[in-house]
Amino acid sequence: MAAGFILPVAGPFLQTRLRDQTLHWSLLPLSRAIESVAPSSARAKVSRFAPLDLRLMQRQQHIVDGLLRLAPYYDDALHRQAYETAVAERDTGTARALAGAAALRAALDAYARHQPRDHDGRPPHIGPDITDHLAPISRAMIRPCRVDALLRVLPHDPAQKARTDAS
C-alpha cells in the first residue's frame, strides 16, 4: 500500500531529475567550447552540491551569454551550406547538429582571430537554428573529426570563397 502512495509522487520527480541530469551533462561540451569567449560579467560560483535545476540553468545561461558574444562572428550562410551538405549524407537531426557545431566552431575561430563578419548593417544574431538545438549541437561537438570534415568541404573563409570562385 505504501508503494501505491510513493510511486505516483516519486515517479515524476525521478523522471524530471533524470531528464535534467542528462541535459546538464549533454551541454558540457558546448559549455567548454564557449569558455574561450570572454564573459560579459563574472560567473556566480555554484557548488556542485547545489540543486540540479540551478546548475542546469547556470550552464544554459553561460551558453546563451557566449552565443550573444559570438553573434558578430557567426556566419548564417555557412550554417545553411553545412546543413545542405550534411543532410545529403545523414538524417535531418544529425545534419542539423553537425551544421550547428560547424557554424559555431567557425564563429569561435573567427572570434579567436578577431575577425567579425559583415552583417550588412543588420544587428548580428544567432537564430533558432542554433538556440533551439543546443543539446544535439553539444553532442556533435564530442566528435570534432566529423565537424572538421564538414568544415573542410565548405569554403567558409570569404578570401577562400573568392579564390575558389576565381578558379
N, C-alpha and C. Protein backbone atom coordinates (compact mmCIF):
# COMPACT_ATOMS: atom_id res chain seq x y z
N MET A 1 0.82 -1.17 0.00
CA MET A 1 0.00 0.00 0.00
C MET A 1 0.88 1.26 0.00
N ALA A 2 2.00 1.19 0.65
CA ALA A 2 2.90 2.35 0.68
C ALA A 2 3.41 2.65 -0.72
N ALA A 3 3.70 1.63 -1.51
CA ALA A 3 4.18 1.85 -2.87
C ALA A 3 3.13 2.57 -3.70
N GLY A 4 1.87 2.30 -3.45
CA GLY A 4 0.80 2.98 -4.18
C GLY A 4 0.76 4.47 -3.90
N PHE A 5 1.24 4.88 -2.74
CA PHE A 5 1.29 6.31 -2.42
C PHE A 5 2.61 6.95 -2.86
N ILE A 6 3.70 6.19 -2.79
CA ILE A 6 5.02 6.75 -3.07
C ILE A 6 5.30 6.84 -4.58
N LEU A 7 4.97 5.81 -5.33
CA LEU A 7 5.30 5.79 -6.76
C LEU A 7 4.68 6.94 -7.55
N PRO A 8 3.42 7.29 -7.35
CA PRO A 8 2.88 8.42 -8.12
C PRO A 8 3.58 9.75 -7.82
N VAL A 9 4.15 9.88 -6.63
CA VAL A 9 4.85 11.11 -6.27
C VAL A 9 6.30 11.04 -6.72
N ALA A 10 6.95 9.91 -6.49
CA ALA A 10 8.37 9.78 -6.80
C ALA A 10 8.62 9.61 -8.30
N GLY A 11 7.73 9.00 -9.03
CA GLY A 11 7.93 8.74 -10.46
C GLY A 11 8.19 9.99 -11.27
N PRO A 12 7.30 10.99 -11.22
CA PRO A 12 7.55 12.22 -11.99
C PRO A 12 8.81 12.95 -11.53
N PHE A 13 9.08 12.92 -10.22
CA PHE A 13 10.29 13.57 -9.72
C PHE A 13 11.54 12.92 -10.30
N LEU A 14 11.58 11.59 -10.27
CA LEU A 14 12.74 10.87 -10.80
C LEU A 14 12.87 11.05 -12.31
N GLN A 15 11.76 11.10 -13.00
CA GLN A 15 11.79 11.30 -14.45
C GLN A 15 12.35 12.69 -14.78
N THR A 16 11.90 13.72 -14.08
CA THR A 16 12.40 15.07 -14.28
C THR A 16 13.87 15.16 -13.92
N ARG A 17 14.24 14.54 -12.83
CA ARG A 17 15.64 14.55 -12.39
C ARG A 17 16.55 13.91 -13.44
N LEU A 18 16.13 12.77 -13.97
CA LEU A 18 16.92 12.08 -14.99
C LEU A 18 17.03 12.91 -16.26
N ARG A 19 15.93 13.53 -16.69
CA ARG A 19 15.94 14.37 -17.89
C ARG A 19 16.87 15.57 -17.70
N ASP A 20 16.78 16.24 -16.54
CA ASP A 20 17.62 17.40 -16.28
C ASP A 20 19.09 17.02 -16.17
N GLN A 21 19.38 15.88 -15.53
CA GLN A 21 20.77 15.44 -15.41
C GLN A 21 21.35 15.11 -16.77
N THR A 22 20.58 14.46 -17.62
CA THR A 22 21.04 14.14 -18.97
C THR A 22 21.30 15.41 -19.77
N LEU A 23 20.41 16.38 -19.68
CA LEU A 23 20.59 17.66 -20.39
C LEU A 23 21.81 18.39 -19.85
N HIS A 24 21.99 18.41 -18.53
CA HIS A 24 23.13 19.09 -17.92
C HIS A 24 24.44 18.50 -18.44
N TRP A 25 24.54 17.19 -18.49
CA TRP A 25 25.76 16.55 -18.98
C TRP A 25 25.93 16.73 -20.48
N SER A 26 24.85 16.71 -21.23
CA SER A 26 24.98 16.83 -22.69
C SER A 26 25.39 18.23 -23.12
N LEU A 27 25.14 19.25 -22.30
CA LEU A 27 25.54 20.62 -22.63
C LEU A 27 27.00 20.92 -22.27
N LEU A 28 27.67 19.99 -21.60
CA LEU A 28 29.04 20.23 -21.16
C LEU A 28 30.02 20.52 -22.31
N PRO A 29 30.03 19.76 -23.41
CA PRO A 29 30.99 20.07 -24.49
C PRO A 29 30.80 21.48 -25.08
N LEU A 30 29.57 21.90 -25.26
CA LEU A 30 29.32 23.24 -25.79
C LEU A 30 29.73 24.30 -24.77
N SER A 31 29.46 24.05 -23.51
CA SER A 31 29.86 24.98 -22.46
C SER A 31 31.37 25.14 -22.42
N ARG A 32 32.09 24.04 -22.57
CA ARG A 32 33.56 24.11 -22.57
C ARG A 32 34.07 24.82 -23.82
N ALA A 33 33.43 24.60 -24.96
CA ALA A 33 33.86 25.25 -26.19
C ALA A 33 33.68 26.76 -26.09
N ILE A 34 32.64 27.19 -25.41
CA ILE A 34 32.34 28.62 -25.32
C ILE A 34 33.14 29.28 -24.20
N GLU A 35 33.87 28.50 -23.40
CA GLU A 35 34.71 29.07 -22.34
C GLU A 35 35.68 30.11 -22.87
N SER A 36 36.15 29.93 -24.10
CA SER A 36 37.14 30.85 -24.65
C SER A 36 36.56 32.23 -24.93
N VAL A 37 35.25 32.32 -25.02
CA VAL A 37 34.60 33.61 -25.24
C VAL A 37 34.54 34.33 -23.90
N ALA A 38 35.12 35.51 -23.86
CA ALA A 38 35.19 36.25 -22.61
C ALA A 38 33.79 36.54 -22.08
N PRO A 39 33.53 36.24 -20.82
CA PRO A 39 32.20 36.51 -20.27
C PRO A 39 31.97 38.01 -20.11
N SER A 40 30.71 38.39 -20.26
CA SER A 40 30.38 39.81 -20.11
C SER A 40 30.37 40.23 -18.65
N SER A 41 30.26 39.27 -17.75
CA SER A 41 30.32 39.56 -16.33
C SER A 41 30.84 38.31 -15.62
N ALA A 42 31.17 38.47 -14.37
CA ALA A 42 31.69 37.34 -13.60
C ALA A 42 30.60 36.31 -13.36
N ARG A 43 30.96 35.06 -13.48
CA ARG A 43 30.01 33.98 -13.23
C ARG A 43 29.88 33.76 -11.73
N ALA A 44 28.66 33.50 -11.32
CA ALA A 44 28.43 33.19 -9.92
C ALA A 44 28.93 31.79 -9.64
N LYS A 45 29.56 31.62 -8.50
CA LYS A 45 30.06 30.30 -8.11
C LYS A 45 28.90 29.49 -7.55
N VAL A 46 28.63 28.38 -8.20
CA VAL A 46 27.57 27.48 -7.75
C VAL A 46 28.24 26.16 -7.42
N SER A 47 28.01 25.71 -6.23
CA SER A 47 28.60 24.45 -5.76
C SER A 47 28.06 23.28 -6.58
N ARG A 48 28.87 22.25 -6.70
CA ARG A 48 28.38 21.07 -7.40
C ARG A 48 27.32 20.35 -6.58
N PHE A 49 27.16 20.75 -5.34
CA PHE A 49 26.11 20.20 -4.49
C PHE A 49 24.84 21.05 -4.51
N ALA A 50 24.87 22.11 -5.32
CA ALA A 50 23.68 22.96 -5.47
C ALA A 50 22.60 22.16 -6.19
N PRO A 51 21.36 22.58 -6.07
CA PRO A 51 20.29 21.85 -6.77
C PRO A 51 20.55 21.77 -8.27
N LEU A 52 20.18 20.64 -8.84
CA LEU A 52 20.44 20.38 -10.25
C LEU A 52 19.80 21.43 -11.15
N ASP A 53 18.58 21.85 -10.85
CA ASP A 53 17.93 22.84 -11.71
C ASP A 53 18.69 24.16 -11.72
N LEU A 54 19.33 24.52 -10.61
CA LEU A 54 20.13 25.74 -10.56
C LEU A 54 21.41 25.59 -11.39
N ARG A 55 22.07 24.44 -11.29
CA ARG A 55 23.28 24.19 -12.08
C ARG A 55 22.96 24.14 -13.58
N LEU A 56 21.83 23.52 -13.93
CA LEU A 56 21.41 23.45 -15.33
C LEU A 56 21.10 24.85 -15.87
N MET A 57 20.39 25.63 -15.09
CA MET A 57 20.06 26.99 -15.51
C MET A 57 21.33 27.83 -15.69
N GLN A 58 22.31 27.66 -14.81
CA GLN A 58 23.55 28.41 -14.94
C GLN A 58 24.32 27.99 -16.20
N ARG A 59 24.35 26.69 -16.48
CA ARG A 59 25.05 26.23 -17.68
C ARG A 59 24.37 26.75 -18.94
N GLN A 60 23.04 26.70 -18.98
CA GLN A 60 22.31 27.21 -20.14
C GLN A 60 22.54 28.70 -20.31
N GLN A 61 22.54 29.44 -19.20
CA GLN A 61 22.75 30.88 -19.27
C GLN A 61 24.17 31.20 -19.73
N HIS A 62 25.13 30.42 -19.29
CA HIS A 62 26.52 30.61 -19.73
C HIS A 62 26.63 30.42 -21.25
N ILE A 63 25.96 29.41 -21.76
CA ILE A 63 25.99 29.14 -23.20
C ILE A 63 25.31 30.26 -23.97
N VAL A 64 24.16 30.71 -23.50
CA VAL A 64 23.44 31.79 -24.18
C VAL A 64 24.26 33.08 -24.16
N ASP A 65 24.89 33.38 -23.03
CA ASP A 65 25.75 34.57 -22.96
C ASP A 65 26.91 34.46 -23.96
N GLY A 66 27.50 33.28 -24.05
CA GLY A 66 28.58 33.07 -25.01
C GLY A 66 28.10 33.23 -26.44
N LEU A 67 26.90 32.73 -26.74
CA LEU A 67 26.35 32.87 -28.09
C LEU A 67 26.09 34.34 -28.43
N LEU A 68 25.65 35.11 -27.45
CA LEU A 68 25.45 36.54 -27.69
C LEU A 68 26.77 37.23 -28.04
N ARG A 69 27.83 36.81 -27.38
CA ARG A 69 29.14 37.41 -27.66
C ARG A 69 29.72 36.90 -28.98
N LEU A 70 29.29 35.72 -29.41
CA LEU A 70 29.76 35.16 -30.68
C LEU A 70 28.96 35.66 -31.89
N ALA A 71 27.84 36.28 -31.66
CA ALA A 71 26.94 36.67 -32.75
C ALA A 71 27.64 37.49 -33.85
N PRO A 72 28.51 38.45 -33.53
CA PRO A 72 29.16 39.19 -34.62
C PRO A 72 30.08 38.33 -35.49
N TYR A 73 30.45 37.16 -35.00
CA TYR A 73 31.39 36.29 -35.73
C TYR A 73 30.67 35.13 -36.42
N TYR A 74 29.39 34.99 -36.18
CA TYR A 74 28.60 33.87 -36.69
C TYR A 74 28.20 34.11 -38.14
N ASP A 75 28.34 33.08 -38.96
CA ASP A 75 28.02 33.16 -40.39
C ASP A 75 26.82 32.25 -40.67
N ASP A 76 25.66 32.85 -40.87
CA ASP A 76 24.44 32.08 -41.13
C ASP A 76 24.51 31.35 -42.47
N ALA A 77 25.16 31.95 -43.45
CA ALA A 77 25.30 31.30 -44.76
C ALA A 77 26.12 30.02 -44.64
N LEU A 78 27.14 30.05 -43.80
CA LEU A 78 27.94 28.86 -43.56
C LEU A 78 27.08 27.77 -42.93
N HIS A 79 26.23 28.16 -41.99
CA HIS A 79 25.35 27.18 -41.35
C HIS A 79 24.43 26.53 -42.38
N ARG A 80 23.85 27.33 -43.27
CA ARG A 80 22.97 26.78 -44.30
C ARG A 80 23.73 25.84 -45.23
N GLN A 81 24.92 26.24 -45.65
CA GLN A 81 25.73 25.37 -46.51
C GLN A 81 26.09 24.06 -45.80
N ALA A 82 26.45 24.17 -44.55
CA ALA A 82 26.82 22.98 -43.78
C ALA A 82 25.63 22.05 -43.64
N TYR A 83 24.45 22.62 -43.41
CA TYR A 83 23.26 21.79 -43.28
C TYR A 83 22.95 21.08 -44.60
N GLU A 84 23.01 21.82 -45.70
CA GLU A 84 22.72 21.22 -47.01
C GLU A 84 23.71 20.11 -47.34
N THR A 85 24.96 20.29 -46.99
CA THR A 85 25.97 19.28 -47.23
C THR A 85 25.75 18.07 -46.33
N ALA A 86 25.47 18.31 -45.05
CA ALA A 86 25.32 17.21 -44.10
C ALA A 86 24.03 16.42 -44.31
N VAL A 87 22.96 17.10 -44.72
CA VAL A 87 21.67 16.40 -44.88
C VAL A 87 21.71 15.46 -46.07
N ALA A 88 22.64 15.66 -46.99
CA ALA A 88 22.77 14.75 -48.13
C ALA A 88 23.29 13.38 -47.69
N GLU A 89 23.99 13.34 -46.55
CA GLU A 89 24.58 12.09 -46.09
C GLU A 89 23.97 11.54 -44.80
N ARG A 90 23.26 12.38 -44.06
CA ARG A 90 22.76 11.97 -42.74
C ARG A 90 21.30 12.36 -42.59
N ASP A 91 20.68 11.88 -41.50
CA ASP A 91 19.30 12.26 -41.22
C ASP A 91 19.26 13.73 -40.78
N THR A 92 18.07 14.31 -40.78
CA THR A 92 17.95 15.75 -40.54
C THR A 92 18.42 16.16 -39.14
N GLY A 93 18.15 15.35 -38.13
CA GLY A 93 18.58 15.70 -36.78
C GLY A 93 20.09 15.73 -36.65
N THR A 94 20.74 14.73 -37.18
CA THR A 94 22.21 14.68 -37.14
C THR A 94 22.80 15.78 -38.01
N ALA A 95 22.21 16.02 -39.16
CA ALA A 95 22.70 17.08 -40.04
C ALA A 95 22.56 18.45 -39.37
N ARG A 96 21.44 18.68 -38.70
CA ARG A 96 21.22 19.95 -38.00
C ARG A 96 22.27 20.14 -36.91
N ALA A 97 22.55 19.08 -36.17
CA ALA A 97 23.53 19.17 -35.09
C ALA A 97 24.94 19.41 -35.64
N LEU A 98 25.31 18.69 -36.67
CA LEU A 98 26.64 18.87 -37.26
C LEU A 98 26.80 20.25 -37.87
N ALA A 99 25.77 20.72 -38.54
CA ALA A 99 25.83 22.06 -39.14
C ALA A 99 25.96 23.13 -38.07
N GLY A 100 25.21 22.99 -36.99
CA GLY A 100 25.31 23.95 -35.89
C GLY A 100 26.69 23.93 -35.25
N ALA A 101 27.23 22.72 -35.04
CA ALA A 101 28.56 22.60 -34.44
C ALA A 101 29.61 23.21 -35.37
N ALA A 102 29.48 22.98 -36.67
CA ALA A 102 30.44 23.54 -37.63
C ALA A 102 30.36 25.06 -37.66
N ALA A 103 29.15 25.60 -37.66
CA ALA A 103 28.99 27.06 -37.69
C ALA A 103 29.54 27.69 -36.41
N LEU A 104 29.30 27.05 -35.27
CA LEU A 104 29.82 27.59 -34.01
C LEU A 104 31.33 27.46 -33.95
N ARG A 105 31.87 26.36 -34.46
CA ARG A 105 33.33 26.21 -34.49
C ARG A 105 33.95 27.30 -35.34
N ALA A 106 33.36 27.59 -36.50
CA ALA A 106 33.87 28.66 -37.36
C ALA A 106 33.74 30.01 -36.66
N ALA A 107 32.66 30.24 -35.93
CA ALA A 107 32.49 31.50 -35.20
C ALA A 107 33.54 31.62 -34.09
N LEU A 108 33.81 30.52 -33.40
CA LEU A 108 34.84 30.54 -32.36
C LEU A 108 36.22 30.81 -32.95
N ASP A 109 36.50 30.25 -34.12
CA ASP A 109 37.78 30.52 -34.80
C ASP A 109 37.87 31.98 -35.22
N ALA A 110 36.78 32.53 -35.75
CA ALA A 110 36.77 33.94 -36.14
C ALA A 110 36.92 34.84 -34.92
N TYR A 111 36.32 34.44 -33.80
CA TYR A 111 36.45 35.20 -32.55
C TYR A 111 37.91 35.20 -32.09
N ALA A 112 38.56 34.05 -32.19
CA ALA A 112 39.96 33.95 -31.77
C ALA A 112 40.87 34.81 -32.66
N ARG A 113 40.51 34.95 -33.93
CA ARG A 113 41.29 35.77 -34.87
C ARG A 113 40.86 37.24 -34.85
N HIS A 114 39.83 37.57 -34.07
CA HIS A 114 39.29 38.94 -34.01
C HIS A 114 38.83 39.42 -35.38
N GLN A 115 38.09 38.54 -36.09
CA GLN A 115 37.58 38.87 -37.42
C GLN A 115 36.06 38.74 -37.45
N PRO A 116 35.34 39.79 -37.02
CA PRO A 116 33.87 39.71 -37.08
C PRO A 116 33.38 39.69 -38.53
N ARG A 117 32.22 39.12 -38.73
CA ARG A 117 31.59 39.05 -40.06
C ARG A 117 30.89 40.35 -40.37
N ASP A 118 30.74 40.63 -41.65
CA ASP A 118 29.97 41.78 -42.09
C ASP A 118 28.51 41.35 -42.17
N HIS A 119 27.64 42.03 -41.43
CA HIS A 119 26.22 41.68 -41.39
C HIS A 119 25.36 42.68 -42.14
N ASP A 120 25.96 43.46 -43.02
CA ASP A 120 25.24 44.41 -43.88
C ASP A 120 24.36 45.38 -43.10
N GLY A 121 24.86 45.89 -41.99
CA GLY A 121 24.13 46.88 -41.22
C GLY A 121 23.05 46.31 -40.31
N ARG A 122 22.75 45.03 -40.41
CA ARG A 122 21.76 44.41 -39.53
C ARG A 122 22.42 44.02 -38.22
N PRO A 123 21.67 44.02 -37.14
CA PRO A 123 22.27 43.58 -35.87
C PRO A 123 22.59 42.09 -35.94
N PRO A 124 23.78 41.70 -35.53
CA PRO A 124 24.14 40.28 -35.60
C PRO A 124 23.37 39.47 -34.56
N HIS A 125 22.96 38.29 -34.95
CA HIS A 125 22.28 37.40 -34.01
C HIS A 125 22.47 35.95 -34.46
N ILE A 126 22.31 35.08 -33.50
CA ILE A 126 22.34 33.65 -33.79
C ILE A 126 20.91 33.18 -33.64
N GLY A 127 20.36 32.64 -34.70
CA GLY A 127 18.94 32.32 -34.77
C GLY A 127 18.55 31.02 -34.10
N PRO A 128 17.28 30.69 -34.22
CA PRO A 128 16.74 29.49 -33.58
C PRO A 128 17.28 28.18 -34.16
N ASP A 129 17.90 28.24 -35.33
CA ASP A 129 18.53 27.03 -35.86
C ASP A 129 19.61 26.53 -34.91
N ILE A 130 20.19 27.43 -34.15
CA ILE A 130 21.21 27.07 -33.17
C ILE A 130 20.60 27.01 -31.78
N THR A 131 19.93 28.07 -31.38
CA THR A 131 19.49 28.18 -29.99
C THR A 131 18.44 27.15 -29.59
N ASP A 132 17.68 26.65 -30.55
CA ASP A 132 16.66 25.64 -30.22
C ASP A 132 17.21 24.22 -30.19
N HIS A 133 18.48 24.06 -30.56
CA HIS A 133 19.06 22.71 -30.66
C HIS A 133 20.41 22.64 -29.97
N LEU A 134 20.53 23.24 -28.80
CA LEU A 134 21.82 23.30 -28.13
C LEU A 134 22.33 21.94 -27.70
N ALA A 135 21.46 21.07 -27.18
CA ALA A 135 21.92 19.76 -26.71
C ALA A 135 22.43 18.89 -27.87
N PRO A 136 21.71 18.77 -29.00
CA PRO A 136 22.28 17.98 -30.10
C PRO A 136 23.57 18.58 -30.67
N ILE A 137 23.65 19.90 -30.73
CA ILE A 137 24.87 20.55 -31.21
C ILE A 137 26.02 20.25 -30.27
N SER A 138 25.75 20.30 -28.98
CA SER A 138 26.77 19.99 -27.99
C SER A 138 27.25 18.55 -28.13
N ARG A 139 26.32 17.63 -28.34
CA ARG A 139 26.71 16.22 -28.53
C ARG A 139 27.52 16.04 -29.81
N ALA A 140 27.23 16.84 -30.84
CA ALA A 140 28.00 16.75 -32.09
C ALA A 140 29.43 17.25 -31.88
N MET A 141 29.62 18.14 -30.92
CA MET A 141 30.96 18.66 -30.65
C MET A 141 31.86 17.63 -29.96
N ILE A 142 31.27 16.55 -29.49
CA ILE A 142 32.07 15.49 -28.86
C ILE A 142 32.97 14.84 -29.90
N ARG A 143 32.50 14.79 -31.14
CA ARG A 143 33.27 14.17 -32.23
C ARG A 143 33.80 15.26 -33.16
N PRO A 144 34.89 15.90 -32.79
CA PRO A 144 35.39 17.01 -33.61
C PRO A 144 35.84 16.59 -35.00
N CYS A 145 36.19 15.32 -35.20
CA CYS A 145 36.63 14.90 -36.54
C CYS A 145 35.49 15.02 -37.54
N ARG A 146 34.24 14.75 -37.14
CA ARG A 146 33.11 14.91 -38.05
C ARG A 146 32.89 16.39 -38.39
N VAL A 147 33.00 17.23 -37.37
CA VAL A 147 32.81 18.67 -37.59
C VAL A 147 33.92 19.21 -38.49
N ASP A 148 35.15 18.79 -38.22
CA ASP A 148 36.28 19.24 -39.06
C ASP A 148 36.12 18.77 -40.50
N ALA A 149 35.67 17.54 -40.68
CA ALA A 149 35.47 17.02 -42.04
C ALA A 149 34.41 17.84 -42.78
N LEU A 150 33.35 18.22 -42.08
CA LEU A 150 32.33 19.04 -42.70
C LEU A 150 32.87 20.43 -43.03
N LEU A 151 33.66 21.01 -42.14
CA LEU A 151 34.22 22.34 -42.39
C LEU A 151 35.22 22.32 -43.56
N ARG A 152 35.92 21.22 -43.72
CA ARG A 152 36.90 21.14 -44.81
C ARG A 152 36.24 21.20 -46.18
N VAL A 153 35.04 20.68 -46.31
CA VAL A 153 34.39 20.70 -47.62
C VAL A 153 33.64 21.99 -47.89
N LEU A 154 33.55 22.87 -46.90
CA LEU A 154 32.85 24.14 -47.06
C LEU A 154 33.83 25.29 -47.15
N PRO A 155 33.72 26.13 -48.17
CA PRO A 155 34.55 27.34 -48.20
C PRO A 155 33.90 28.42 -47.35
N HIS A 156 34.32 28.53 -46.07
CA HIS A 156 33.68 29.49 -45.18
C HIS A 156 34.47 30.77 -45.00
N ASP A 157 35.71 30.79 -45.45
CA ASP A 157 36.53 31.99 -45.38
C ASP A 157 36.22 32.83 -46.62
N PRO A 158 35.82 34.11 -46.47
CA PRO A 158 35.49 34.93 -47.66
C PRO A 158 36.64 35.00 -48.66
N ALA A 159 37.88 35.06 -48.17
CA ALA A 159 39.02 35.09 -49.10
C ALA A 159 39.12 33.75 -49.83
N GLN A 160 38.85 32.67 -49.12
CA GLN A 160 38.88 31.35 -49.75
C GLN A 160 37.77 31.22 -50.77
N LYS A 161 36.59 31.77 -50.47
CA LYS A 161 35.47 31.76 -51.42
C LYS A 161 35.86 32.51 -52.70
N ALA A 162 36.51 33.67 -52.54
CA ALA A 162 36.90 34.46 -53.70
C ALA A 162 37.93 33.71 -54.54
N ARG A 163 38.86 33.02 -53.86
CA ARG A 163 39.87 32.24 -54.60
C ARG A 163 39.21 31.09 -55.34
N THR A 164 38.21 30.44 -54.70
CA THR A 164 37.53 29.32 -55.32
C THR A 164 36.70 29.79 -56.51
N ASP A 165 36.01 30.94 -56.37
CA ASP A 165 35.20 31.46 -57.46
C ASP A 165 36.06 31.91 -58.64
N ALA A 166 37.27 32.42 -58.37
CA ALA A 166 38.15 32.90 -59.43
C ALA A 166 38.76 31.75 -60.22
N SER A 167 38.84 30.57 -59.61
CA SER A 167 39.47 29.41 -60.28
C SER A 167 38.64 28.86 -61.39
